[in-house]
Amino acid sequence: MNLQPVILCGGAGTRLWPLSREQYPKQLLTLSGDESMLQATACRVDASLATASTSVLPPVVVSNDDYRFITAEQLRQAGHAHAAIVLEPKGRNTAPALTLAALVALETGDDPALLVMPADHIIDDVEAFRAAVARGLAYAESGKLVTFGIQPTRAETGYGYISIGTPLAGEGGGREIRGFVEKPDTATAERYVASGEYLWNSGIFMMRASVWIAQLGALRPDMLKACRAAFGARSKDRDFLRVGAEAFAACPADSIDYAVMEKLPAGLGVVIPLAAGWSDVGAWDALWQIGSKDGDGNVLRGDVMAVNTRDTLAISQSRMVACVGLTDTVVVETPDAVLVAHKSDLQQIKQVVERLKREKRPEADAHRKIYRPWGYYDSIDTGTRFQVKRIMVNPGAAISLQMHHHRAEHWIVVKGTARVIRGEETILLSENESAYIPIGTRHRLENPGKLPLEIIEVQSGAYLGEDDIVRFEDTYGRT
């Protein structure tokens, strides 16, 4: 039996604003270690889990269309360029996402065991996680639906709980599932932890692809029908698999827990206890809890100076941040926004994001640095009738052949070599050389070299919005 990792990449994670944005959700962030949460999730399951009878397959990743290119690039950087990336036309929660992954697995594999992992979790003890997965494989192979319950370390009111039953026979360490419990109040959570009979619900699952399809068909046939219709209307788009948008939009939205796990017949569900330094990093205080603290209980990242400050999380991305006389505070600095909040008020960050959206401010949706399939650009400065960007183009990549109705552009090469198509002419530029693109002129920027190309772009004109782009040809299929 093969092991098929399935990584679910839905959700924006607005509670981690200003690092997490609508177009750059938390799974793409590097919050612990040197990898993004998506990359760490993909690397969590490796060849060490392979046996004489089990192979570890490339992951199936179910992602949002809006950040497909940065998802693919991060997977490539992590050594998972062969991952299958399935694009959801619309978020419908985790049960439909898993169903799409199961249909992909059944089409390309031999009914593998699906290891279903959200892309936005942190697990410190990877070896303990892999050992738990290895123990769970035998249950999945026998037709069970397995979930992994986290050993509680505190009376947490922000997580759902699993009530565990008697130990199952064998060496897998599995327990019967008595039931799933919603997020409790503090007194109830304390009782759960003291009893030793409850685990946190991690949202990590494992089962054969055919078993998931069979149970979903029995419990939610409407959902399975919609997913099959969407999968039947699939199409290939470069490295991505697009499912039928109309059929998938008609699919009911529900989680894996609600759609199937909580309704399973007795004896089909198994929970594996897991103690591996797990966190879903649902809010900034969770990152403080798992972070490496100084003598005053502070978690400090970036260029941060703390004076008479205790139990505080402070993150700096682009400048020095000084924290003086703070207690139980969160300070997060990015190039275009700064958050300062008391830990007891972190749930109100959602109100900030909602207000930013109502006022149509860009800080709700994107960072100053915007990733594109060819690289990225960073808006350095903006004023009346001008904008300055730093642009990086990957080796061998090119922006679309395009034209602007309202702005002219001046490109100065800072690093690398640029091939510029301007009207009917092609120009090769080296460092410290430049080209001017008049309003209404077709143009394209290419990197023919083997090193990243960096340029400074100065835009001038009456309107500088990103929607003033007319594309005539695009390598990446954008319109």
Foldseek 3Di string as FASTA:
>chain_A
DEEEEEEEEDDQLLLAPPVTFQLRRQLCDCLDDDARLLLCSQVLDDQVLADPPYGYDQYAYEYEPSNVLSSCVSCVVSVRNVHAYEYAPDDQAALLSVLLVLVVCVVPHDQHKYWYYYSQKDFAFSVLVSLLVSLCRVLQVVLAKEFAFEQDPALDQPFKKWFWADFDDDDSQKTFTPAIGHRDPRVVSVVQNVVSRMTTGRLIIIHGSVSSLVQLCVQPVQQSVLSVQQQVQWDDFPSHIYTRNVSSVPHHGDYPCVRGVRPDDGPRYIYHYGHGLMDSCSHPLRSLVSADADPQSEHEEDQEAEECEHVEYAYEDPDHYYHYNYYQWYWYDDPPDIDIGHVVCSVCSVVVLVVCVVVVHCSNHDGQWAADSQGIKHFPDDDQFKTKIKDKGAAFGKFFFKAFQWKKKKKAWQAAWKWKDWAPDIDIDHHRDMDIHDHGITMMIGHNDNHMTIIMMMMGGNDDDPVRIDGPGGPNPDD
